[in-house]
Amino acid sequence: MKKIFLILLSFSLIMSCKQKESEAIESDIVLFTSATVKNIFTDSISIRAISIDSGKIWYAGNNGKYGYFDLDNEKNFNGHVAKDTLKLEFRSIAQTSSHIFILNVGNPALLYRISKDGSQIQLVYQEKHEKVFYDSMQFWNDQEGIAMGDPTDGCLLVIVTIDGGTTWKKVSCGNLPKVEEGEAAFAASNTNLIIKGNDTWMVSGGKKSRIFYSSDKGNSWQVFNTPIIQGEAMTGIFTADFYDSQNGFIAGGNYEKPNQNFGNKAITKDGGKTWNLIAEKKGFGYASCVQYVPNSNGKQLVTVGASGLHYSSDSGENWQQFSTDKDLYTIRFMNDSTAIAAGKNKIVKVNFKTK
C-alpha cells in the first residue's frame, strides 16, 4: 500500500508540474487588441500566393506576374512569365533554400523553378487536360515537395518531386483515395495543402468537403469527413492550417453567400480525424485564408476574406474584426506579431498590437 501511495504521489507531482508548465506558457502569450495595416506594394495584380524568405516577400499572381518585395531596402522586383498567348495565373508558390516555385492553375498546368538569385527560370513540369487545375504546393524539405489540384480522373491531382523540384512525377490514382462526385478544391490562398514534419493534409470542397491525410509524405492516405457546409459547387473548405500534428483549423463556407457565418469553420484536436463546428453564427463569413499565430500554443488565429481581417485568442471560439478590407486573399506570419497579407492589387504589412 505504501508503494502504491508513493507511485500515486509521484504521478500527482508530475501532472501538477506539467499543468503549471502549461499555465506558465499560456500566461506568457500576449493577446492582440488591434492591428495596423500598411500598404507596401501596389500593382494591377491579383495575388493569392505569397512566401516569406527572410526579408523578401515572394509573390505570384495573374497575367504571368511574379516577383518579390524586399523589406530591408523597400525595393520590388517584378518578374513576368510569357508562354505563347496564354494568360497565366499563378496561385501556388513554394520554396527551397535556393529556389522559388510557382504553379499555374489552368490548362496547361505549368510549374516554374526560379533561382533566388534571379539567374534562371525553368519550366520543370507541364500537364495538359481540359480539367487540370492546380490549387496548392508545398515542400517537406529541400528535396521533397508536393502539389495538389482538382480531380481529372477519379482522384485529386497530386505531383511530387524528390530532387529539389528539378523533375516532378504525377501520382497514379491507384495510389490515392477516390473522390466523390462534385468534390474538388479551391485555389483561394495556397492553403489547401498543409505540411507539419512528415504529416500532410489536403482539403477538398464543393459537393463534398473532406480531409485527406498522410503520415508518410504522401505514400499512403486516409480520408476523413468534415461538418463544413457542402453540397454545392462553391461550398466547403477553402483554407486550412495546423498548429502542430494534432491541432488544426478549417474555414471557408459558401463563396456565393459571403456573409453566411455558420457551417464555415471547424476545429480538430486529433490530427484531422474528427472535426467540430465552432463559433456558429459568430465572427466572419466566407474566408479564403486562415493561419495560426506563431508561438501562441494553438490558441490564436487570424483569417482574411470577404468579412475582412479577423482574430481569435481562444482557438476560434470568439472573433474580433481588426480590418474591414475584403480584398485581402492570403496571409502569412513573419513572426508572432507581424504578418504579410496580399490580395487585389496589393501586398500589406500587418502589425498586431497589444494595447
Protein backbone atom coordinates (compact mmCIF):
# COMPACT_ATOMS: atom_id res chain seq x y z
CA MET A 1 0.00 0.00 0.00
CA LYS A 2 2.85 2.38 0.86
CA LYS A 3 4.47 1.66 -2.51
CA ILE A 4 1.21 2.40 -4.33
CA PHE A 5 0.81 5.62 -2.39
CA LEU A 6 4.32 6.77 -3.36
CA ILE A 7 3.64 5.97 -7.02
CA LEU A 8 0.38 7.93 -6.94
CA LEU A 9 2.11 10.83 -5.18
CA SER A 10 4.87 10.89 -7.80
CA PHE A 11 2.30 10.80 -10.62
CA SER A 12 0.38 13.64 -8.99
CA LEU A 13 3.52 15.76 -8.68
CA ILE A 14 4.43 15.13 -12.33
CA MET A 15 0.96 16.10 -13.54
CA SER A 16 0.97 19.17 -11.32
CA CYS A 17 4.31 20.28 -12.76
CA LYS A 18 3.07 19.75 -16.31
CA GLN A 19 -0.08 21.73 -15.58
CA LYS A 20 1.94 24.60 -14.08
CA GLU A 21 4.31 24.50 -17.05
CA SER A 22 1.35 24.72 -19.44
CA GLU A 23 -0.18 27.55 -17.43
CA ALA A 24 3.15 29.39 -17.45
CA ILE A 25 3.39 29.05 -21.24
CA GLU A 26 -0.13 30.36 -21.71
CA SER A 27 0.46 33.25 -19.29
CA ASP A 28 3.43 34.34 -21.41
CA ILE A 29 1.27 34.61 -24.53
CA VAL A 30 0.42 38.22 -25.34
CA LEU A 31 -3.07 38.80 -26.75
CA PHE A 32 -3.73 41.27 -29.56
CA THR A 33 -6.15 44.14 -29.21
CA SER A 34 -5.88 45.70 -32.68
CA ALA A 35 -3.81 45.75 -35.86
CA THR A 36 -2.32 48.39 -38.14
CA VAL A 37 -2.20 47.69 -41.87
CA LYS A 38 0.41 49.36 -44.08
CA ASN A 39 0.42 49.10 -47.86
CA ILE A 40 3.91 48.11 -49.05
CA PHE A 41 3.29 47.18 -52.69
CA THR A 42 0.71 48.09 -55.33
CA ASP A 43 0.21 46.85 -58.86
CA SER A 44 -2.52 45.74 -61.20
CA ILE A 45 -2.44 42.14 -59.98
CA SER A 46 -4.42 39.53 -58.10
CA ILE A 47 -2.20 37.80 -55.52
CA ARG A 48 -3.28 34.57 -53.80
CA ALA A 49 0.16 33.08 -53.24
CA ILE A 50 2.96 34.53 -51.10
CA SER A 51 6.06 33.06 -49.46
CA ILE A 52 8.31 34.77 -46.91
CA ASP A 53 12.05 34.32 -47.41
CA SER A 54 13.80 36.26 -44.62
CA GLY A 55 13.29 39.91 -45.59
CA LYS A 56 11.87 39.16 -49.02
CA ILE A 57 8.18 38.63 -49.73
CA TRP A 58 7.83 36.49 -52.85
CA TYR A 59 4.53 36.65 -54.65
CA ALA A 60 2.82 35.06 -57.64
CA GLY A 61 -0.30 36.32 -59.38
CA ASN A 62 -2.29 36.61 -62.56
CA ASN A 63 -1.20 37.80 -66.01
CA GLY A 64 2.05 35.83 -65.65
CA LYS A 65 3.34 38.12 -62.90
CA TYR A 66 5.63 37.12 -60.05
CA GLY A 67 8.37 38.79 -58.03
CA TYR A 68 9.38 39.88 -54.57
CA PHE A 69 9.32 42.90 -52.30
CA ASP A 70 12.49 43.42 -50.24
CA LEU A 71 11.54 44.77 -46.84
CA ASP A 72 15.12 45.72 -45.99
CA ASN A 73 15.56 48.24 -48.81
CA GLU A 74 11.86 48.66 -49.71
CA LYS A 75 12.50 47.73 -53.33
CA ASN A 76 10.46 45.50 -55.58
CA PHE A 77 11.49 43.04 -58.27
CA ASN A 78 8.86 42.44 -60.95
CA GLY A 79 9.09 39.25 -62.99
CA HIS A 80 6.93 38.01 -65.83
CA VAL A 81 6.42 34.61 -67.45
CA ALA A 82 5.26 34.52 -71.07
CA LYS A 83 4.13 31.29 -72.73
CA ASP A 84 2.74 31.66 -76.24
CA THR A 85 -0.51 33.65 -75.96
CA LEU A 86 -1.56 32.14 -72.62
CA LYS A 87 -2.76 34.32 -69.76
CA LEU A 88 -1.03 32.55 -66.90
CA GLU A 89 -2.44 32.74 -63.40
CA PHE A 90 -0.15 31.59 -60.60
CA ARG A 91 -1.98 30.69 -57.37
CA SER A 92 0.60 28.32 -55.86
CA ILE A 93 4.05 29.20 -54.58
CA ALA A 94 6.65 27.28 -52.59
CA GLN A 95 10.36 27.50 -51.86
CA THR A 96 13.51 25.61 -51.02
CA SER A 97 16.70 27.21 -49.74
CA SER A 98 17.80 28.05 -53.29
CA HIS A 99 14.67 28.22 -55.47
CA ILE A 100 11.14 29.57 -55.71
CA PHE A 101 8.42 27.54 -57.44
CA ILE A 102 5.25 28.95 -58.99
CA LEU A 103 2.43 26.90 -60.50
CA ASN A 104 -0.25 27.95 -62.98
CA VAL A 105 -3.82 26.96 -62.12
CA GLY A 106 -5.36 26.13 -65.50
CA ASN A 107 -4.81 24.22 -68.72
CA PRO A 108 -1.98 23.74 -69.40
CA ALA A 109 -0.59 23.46 -65.88
CA LEU A 110 2.89 24.99 -65.90
CA LEU A 111 5.33 24.76 -62.98
CA TYR A 112 8.38 27.03 -62.98
CA ARG A 113 11.57 26.77 -60.92
CA ILE A 114 13.17 30.17 -60.26
CA SER A 115 16.60 30.63 -58.72
CA LYS A 116 16.51 33.10 -55.84
CA ASP A 117 19.45 35.00 -57.25
CA GLY A 118 17.42 35.66 -60.39
CA SER A 119 19.82 33.94 -62.75
CA GLN A 120 17.46 31.24 -64.04
CA ILE A 121 13.81 30.44 -64.60
CA GLN A 122 13.00 26.96 -65.86
CA LEU A 123 9.80 25.14 -66.80
CA VAL A 124 10.05 21.86 -64.87
CA TYR A 125 6.56 20.38 -65.28
CA GLN A 126 3.59 20.78 -67.59
CA GLU A 127 0.31 18.97 -67.90
CA LYS A 128 -2.44 19.33 -70.47
CA HIS A 129 -6.01 18.33 -69.68
CA GLU A 130 -9.30 20.18 -70.09
CA LYS A 131 -9.99 19.76 -66.35
CA VAL A 132 -6.50 20.37 -64.99
CA PHE A 133 -6.47 22.93 -62.17
CA TYR A 134 -3.75 23.01 -59.51
CA ASP A 135 -4.56 24.58 -56.14
CA SER A 136 -1.58 24.44 -53.77
CA MET A 137 2.10 23.49 -53.47
CA GLN A 138 4.47 22.87 -50.51
CA PHE A 139 7.86 21.30 -49.72
CA TRP A 140 8.66 18.89 -46.91
CA ASN A 141 12.36 19.74 -47.20
CA ASP A 142 14.88 20.96 -49.77
CA GLN A 143 14.49 17.82 -51.89
CA GLU A 144 10.91 16.61 -51.47
CA GLY A 145 7.84 18.56 -52.50
CA ILE A 146 4.19 18.09 -53.44
CA ALA A 147 1.45 19.92 -55.32
CA MET A 148 -2.26 19.10 -55.46
CA GLY A 149 -5.20 20.03 -57.64
CA ASP A 150 -8.72 19.26 -58.78
CA PRO A 151 -9.57 15.73 -59.97
CA THR A 152 -9.31 14.83 -63.63
CA ASP A 153 -9.74 11.07 -63.33
CA GLY A 154 -11.35 9.97 -60.08
CA CYS A 155 -8.77 11.34 -57.63
CA LEU A 156 -7.23 14.64 -56.66
CA LEU A 157 -4.27 15.59 -58.81
CA VAL A 158 -1.01 15.04 -56.95
CA ILE A 159 2.52 15.56 -58.28
CA VAL A 160 5.72 15.07 -56.28
CA THR A 161 9.43 15.79 -56.56
CA ILE A 162 12.35 14.11 -54.81
CA ASP A 163 15.19 16.06 -56.44
CA GLY A 164 14.65 19.59 -55.25
CA GLY A 165 11.99 20.39 -57.82
CA THR A 166 14.11 19.65 -60.91
CA THR A 167 11.65 16.97 -62.01
CA TRP A 168 8.06 16.18 -60.97
CA LYS A 169 6.05 12.98 -61.26
CA LYS A 170 2.29 12.56 -61.27
CA VAL A 171 0.96 10.11 -58.67
CA SER A 172 -1.31 7.39 -60.06
CA CYS A 173 -4.96 7.38 -58.98
CA GLY A 174 -4.36 3.80 -57.88
CA ASN A 175 -2.24 5.21 -55.03
CA LEU A 176 -4.72 7.92 -54.00
CA PRO A 177 -8.19 7.90 -52.42
CA LYS A 178 -11.11 8.23 -54.81
CA VAL A 179 -13.05 11.48 -54.80
CA GLU A 180 -16.82 11.67 -54.71
CA GLU A 181 -19.00 13.27 -57.36
CA GLY A 182 -18.65 17.03 -57.33
CA GLU A 183 -15.65 17.00 -54.98
CA ALA A 184 -12.80 19.31 -55.94
CA ALA A 185 -10.70 22.07 -54.30
CA PHE A 186 -10.30 25.86 -54.27
CA ALA A 187 -7.16 27.80 -55.16
CA ALA A 188 -8.05 30.60 -52.76
CA SER A 189 -4.80 31.21 -50.86
CA ASN A 190 -2.35 28.29 -51.39
CA THR A 191 -3.65 26.69 -48.17
CA ASN A 192 -5.37 23.55 -49.47
CA LEU A 193 -2.16 21.69 -48.66
CA ILE A 194 -0.55 21.81 -45.21
CA ILE A 195 2.69 20.19 -44.04
CA LYS A 196 3.98 19.71 -40.50
CA GLY A 197 7.06 17.48 -40.44
CA ASN A 198 6.12 14.34 -42.36
CA ASP A 199 2.40 14.91 -41.78
CA THR A 200 0.47 16.18 -44.78
CA TRP A 201 -3.13 17.29 -45.15
CA MET A 202 -5.10 18.13 -48.30
CA VAL A 203 -8.58 19.65 -48.10
CA SER A 204 -11.41 19.45 -50.61
CA GLY A 205 -14.62 21.36 -51.26
CA GLY A 206 -17.65 21.52 -53.49
CA LYS A 207 -20.38 18.92 -53.20
CA LYS A 208 -18.16 17.02 -50.75
CA SER A 209 -15.66 18.59 -48.35
CA ARG A 210 -13.14 16.27 -46.71
CA ILE A 211 -9.65 15.91 -45.25
CA PHE A 212 -7.01 13.77 -46.99
CA TYR A 213 -4.24 12.86 -44.54
CA SER A 214 -0.83 11.24 -44.99
CA SER A 215 1.62 10.44 -42.19
CA ASP A 216 4.42 9.39 -44.57
CA LYS A 217 4.93 12.23 -47.05
CA GLY A 218 2.16 11.15 -49.38
CA ASN A 219 2.97 7.47 -49.72
CA SER A 220 -0.36 6.46 -48.16
CA TRP A 221 -3.56 8.35 -47.44
CA GLN A 222 -6.61 8.32 -45.18
CA VAL A 223 -9.80 10.34 -45.74
CA PHE A 224 -11.95 11.96 -43.05
CA ASN A 225 -15.32 13.69 -43.30
CA THR A 226 -15.93 17.22 -42.02
CA PRO A 227 -19.08 19.10 -40.89
CA ILE A 228 -18.25 22.15 -43.02
CA ILE A 229 -21.14 23.29 -45.22
CA GLN A 230 -21.04 21.39 -48.52
CA GLY A 231 -23.26 20.10 -51.30
CA GLU A 232 -22.93 22.92 -53.84
CA ALA A 233 -20.13 23.77 -56.24
CA MET A 234 -18.93 26.84 -54.29
CA THR A 235 -19.22 25.48 -50.75
CA GLY A 236 -16.76 23.70 -48.48
CA ILE A 237 -13.24 24.14 -47.15
CA PHE A 238 -11.32 26.96 -48.82
CA THR A 239 -8.43 27.07 -46.36
CA ALA A 240 -6.77 25.13 -43.54
CA ASP A 241 -3.89 25.37 -41.11
CA PHE A 242 -2.37 23.12 -38.45
CA TYR A 243 -0.53 24.41 -35.41
CA ASP A 244 1.07 21.00 -34.82
CA SER A 245 0.37 17.36 -35.65
CA GLN A 246 -2.88 17.35 -33.64
CA ASN A 247 -4.44 20.81 -33.62
CA GLY A 248 -5.91 22.21 -36.79
CA PHE A 249 -8.49 24.64 -38.16
CA ILE A 250 -10.50 24.65 -41.39
CA ALA A 251 -12.57 27.51 -42.79
CA GLY A 252 -14.42 28.55 -45.91
CA GLY A 253 -18.18 28.45 -46.24
CA ASN A 254 -20.27 29.49 -49.21
CA TYR A 255 -18.46 31.73 -51.68
CA GLU A 256 -21.78 32.84 -53.14
CA LYS A 257 -23.11 33.81 -49.67
CA PRO A 258 -20.08 35.60 -48.21
CA ASN A 259 -21.85 36.83 -45.07
CA GLN A 260 -23.07 33.38 -44.01
CA ASN A 261 -21.14 32.75 -40.78
CA PHE A 262 -22.32 29.28 -39.81
CA GLY A 263 -21.09 25.90 -41.01
CA ASN A 264 -17.92 27.65 -42.20
CA LYS A 265 -15.32 26.90 -39.52
CA ALA A 266 -14.29 23.80 -37.59
CA ILE A 267 -11.52 22.60 -35.30
CA THR A 268 -9.71 19.30 -34.71
CA LYS A 269 -7.65 18.09 -31.78
CA ASP A 270 -6.77 14.65 -33.16
CA GLY A 271 -4.84 15.43 -36.32
CA GLY A 272 -7.86 15.81 -38.56
CA LYS A 273 -9.67 12.55 -37.85
CA THR A 274 -12.66 14.32 -36.29
CA TRP A 275 -13.89 17.88 -36.57
CA ASN A 276 -16.33 20.06 -34.65
CA LEU A 277 -18.02 23.20 -35.90
CA ILE A 278 -17.09 26.25 -33.88
CA ALA A 279 -18.27 29.87 -33.49
CA GLU A 280 -21.60 29.20 -35.17
CA LYS A 281 -23.24 32.44 -36.26
CA LYS A 282 -20.29 34.36 -34.83
CA GLY A 283 -17.29 36.03 -36.41
CA PHE A 284 -16.51 36.01 -40.10
CA GLY A 285 -18.43 34.68 -43.09
CA TYR A 286 -16.63 33.33 -46.15
CA ALA A 287 -12.87 33.10 -45.51
CA SER A 288 -10.12 32.49 -48.05
CA CYS A 289 -7.20 32.02 -45.63
CA VAL A 290 -6.66 31.02 -42.00
CA GLN A 291 -3.35 30.98 -40.12
CA TYR A 292 -2.27 30.18 -36.58
CA VAL A 293 -0.27 32.88 -34.82
CA PRO A 294 3.25 31.52 -34.15
CA ASN A 295 4.16 30.71 -30.54
CA SER A 296 0.53 31.01 -29.40
CA ASN A 297 0.13 27.45 -28.12
CA GLY A 298 -2.52 26.91 -30.79
CA LYS A 299 -4.83 29.47 -29.19
CA GLN A 300 -4.57 32.41 -31.60
CA LEU A 301 -5.70 32.52 -35.22
CA VAL A 302 -6.28 35.08 -37.95
CA THR A 303 -8.39 34.93 -41.09
CA VAL A 304 -8.86 37.09 -44.17
CA GLY A 305 -11.72 37.01 -46.62
CA ALA A 306 -15.00 38.68 -47.51
CA SER A 307 -15.53 39.84 -43.91
CA GLY A 308 -12.10 41.42 -43.59
CA LEU A 309 -9.31 40.51 -41.15
CA HIS A 310 -10.44 38.66 -38.01
CA TYR A 311 -8.55 37.49 -34.92
CA SER A 312 -9.29 34.87 -32.26
CA SER A 313 -7.45 34.38 -28.96
CA ASP A 314 -9.39 31.31 -27.79
CA SER A 315 -8.84 28.68 -30.51
CA GLY A 316 -11.63 30.04 -32.66
CA GLU A 317 -14.50 30.28 -30.16
CA ASN A 318 -14.75 34.08 -30.48
CA TRP A 319 -13.52 36.56 -33.09
CA GLN A 320 -12.64 40.25 -33.31
CA GLN A 321 -12.60 42.18 -36.57
CA PHE A 322 -9.34 44.10 -37.00
CA SER A 323 -9.91 45.29 -40.58
CA THR A 324 -12.88 45.54 -42.95
CA ASP A 325 -10.71 45.13 -46.06
CA LYS A 326 -12.43 42.43 -48.14
CA ASP A 327 -9.71 42.45 -50.81
CA LEU A 328 -7.08 40.50 -48.86
CA TYR A 329 -6.95 36.87 -50.01
CA THR A 330 -3.96 35.34 -48.25
CA ILE A 331 -1.80 35.98 -45.16
CA ARG A 332 1.44 34.61 -43.63
CA PHE A 333 3.27 35.45 -40.41
CA MET A 334 6.85 36.74 -40.32
CA ASN A 335 6.97 36.39 -36.54
CA ASP A 336 4.48 36.21 -33.68
CA SER A 337 3.26 39.80 -34.10
CA THR A 338 3.85 40.71 -37.75
CA ALA A 339 2.22 39.27 -40.86
CA ILE A 340 2.15 39.89 -44.59
CA ALA A 341 -1.14 39.77 -46.47
CA ALA A 342 -1.89 40.11 -50.16
CA GLY A 343 -4.86 40.29 -52.45
CA LYS A 344 -6.37 42.58 -55.04
CA ASN A 345 -3.67 44.91 -56.39
CA LYS A 346 -1.57 45.00 -53.22
CA ILE A 347 0.63 43.50 -50.54
CA VAL A 348 0.30 44.84 -46.99
CA LYS A 349 2.22 44.53 -43.74
CA VAL A 350 0.09 43.84 -40.67
CA ASN A 351 1.42 44.77 -37.23
CA PHE A 352 -0.65 43.30 -34.41
CA LYS A 353 -0.91 45.50 -31.32
CA THR A 354 -1.24 44.52 -27.66
CA LYS A 355 -2.52 47.86 -26.39
